[in-house]
Amino acid sequence: MTTLTVTEAKSHFLELIRNSDKRLERFLITKQGKPAAVVMNADEFGGWLETLEIMSDKKALKEIRKAKKELELGQTKSFKEVVGRAQRR
């Protein structure tokens, strides 16, 4: 992640937006030497929000941990076992 001052970010703002969108780069913006903001791709930000939502859901985390343990123990089922025969369109 590239760190820039507010002044630097201001003078290169369009370039930051382009690079975050096209190259998925992230930029930390500092104000008086302290972190103040982050510029990142909007889709990536949406993914972070979804992750935070899941991480704050105790029930979802419990299910994820259970599924991970089952996977590690080889307690898996095939698609066919779960839903039956494949559906035809």
Protein backbone atom coordinates (compact mmCIF):
# COMPACT_ATOMS: atom_id res chain seq x y z
CA MET A 1 0.00 0.00 0.00
CA THR A 2 1.33 3.39 -0.98
CA THR A 3 1.30 6.15 1.62
CA LEU A 4 0.70 9.75 0.60
CA THR A 5 0.11 13.00 2.42
CA VAL A 6 -3.21 14.78 1.99
CA THR A 7 -1.46 17.36 -0.20
CA GLU A 8 0.06 14.66 -2.43
CA ALA A 9 -3.27 12.83 -2.68
CA LYS A 10 -5.09 16.03 -3.55
CA SER A 11 -2.73 16.81 -6.42
CA HIS A 12 -2.91 13.22 -7.78
CA PHE A 13 -6.48 12.33 -6.88
CA LEU A 14 -7.65 11.27 -10.35
CA GLU A 15 -4.57 9.08 -10.74
CA LEU A 16 -5.28 7.44 -7.36
CA ILE A 17 -8.84 6.69 -8.41
CA ARG A 18 -7.69 5.22 -11.73
CA ASN A 19 -5.01 3.06 -10.10
CA SER A 20 -7.33 1.81 -7.38
CA ASP A 21 -9.91 0.89 -10.03
CA LYS A 22 -7.68 -0.58 -12.75
CA ARG A 23 -4.73 -1.96 -10.76
CA LEU A 24 -6.50 -2.63 -7.45
CA GLU A 25 -3.91 -0.50 -5.67
CA ARG A 26 -4.65 0.90 -2.20
CA PHE A 27 -3.48 4.25 -0.89
CA LEU A 28 -3.11 5.35 2.72
CA ILE A 29 -3.62 9.09 3.08
CA THR A 30 -1.94 10.77 6.05
CA LYS A 31 -2.70 14.08 7.70
CA GLN A 32 0.04 15.61 9.84
CA GLY A 33 1.87 12.27 9.72
CA LYS A 34 -1.07 10.19 10.99
CA PRO A 35 -3.29 7.82 8.98
CA ALA A 36 -6.49 9.63 7.99
CA ALA A 37 -8.09 7.76 5.06
CA VAL A 38 -7.72 4.94 2.56
CA VAL A 39 -8.48 5.00 -1.16
CA MET A 40 -9.38 1.61 -2.62
CA ASN A 41 -11.50 0.04 -5.34
CA ALA A 42 -15.24 0.21 -4.57
CA ASP A 43 -15.79 -3.52 -5.23
CA GLU A 44 -12.95 -4.40 -2.87
CA PHE A 45 -14.44 -2.09 -0.25
CA GLY A 46 -17.78 -3.85 -0.66
CA GLY A 47 -16.03 -7.16 -0.05
CA TRP A 48 -14.50 -5.78 3.16
CA LEU A 49 -17.94 -4.66 4.34
CA GLU A 50 -19.37 -8.13 3.68
CA THR A 51 -16.48 -9.72 5.56
CA LEU A 52 -17.03 -7.41 8.53
CA GLU A 53 -20.72 -8.29 8.53
CA ILE A 54 -19.96 -12.02 8.58
CA MET A 55 -17.27 -11.60 11.23
CA SER A 56 -19.74 -9.82 13.51
CA ASP A 57 -22.34 -12.60 13.14
CA LYS A 58 -21.57 -15.15 15.87
CA LYS A 59 -23.92 -17.75 14.40
CA ALA A 60 -22.35 -17.49 10.94
CA LEU A 61 -18.83 -17.77 12.40
CA LYS A 62 -19.85 -20.85 14.37
CA GLU A 63 -21.19 -22.47 11.18
CA ILE A 64 -18.05 -21.56 9.24
CA ARG A 65 -15.81 -23.08 11.93
CA LYS A 66 -17.98 -26.22 12.00
CA ALA A 67 -17.81 -26.57 8.21
CA LYS A 68 -14.05 -26.03 8.22
CA LYS A 69 -13.58 -28.76 10.83
CA GLU A 70 -15.81 -31.16 8.87
CA LEU A 71 -13.79 -30.44 5.74
CA GLU A 72 -10.51 -31.09 7.57
CA LEU A 73 -11.92 -34.40 8.84
CA GLY A 74 -13.00 -35.37 5.33
CA GLN A 75 -16.67 -35.28 6.28
CA THR A 76 -17.88 -34.05 2.91
CA LYS A 77 -20.70 -34.92 0.53
CA SER A 78 -20.89 -34.68 -3.22
CA PHE A 79 -23.26 -32.33 -5.00
CA LYS A 80 -25.35 -35.32 -6.03
CA GLU A 81 -25.61 -36.53 -2.42
CA VAL A 82 -26.79 -33.10 -1.27
CA VAL A 83 -29.33 -32.21 -3.97
CA GLY A 84 -30.02 -35.52 -5.66
CA ARG A 85 -29.69 -35.92 -9.37
CA ALA A 86 -28.63 -32.91 -11.41
CA GLN A 87 -31.48 -30.68 -12.51
CA ARG A 88 -32.01 -30.35 -16.25
CA ARG A 89 -33.05 -27.07 -17.78
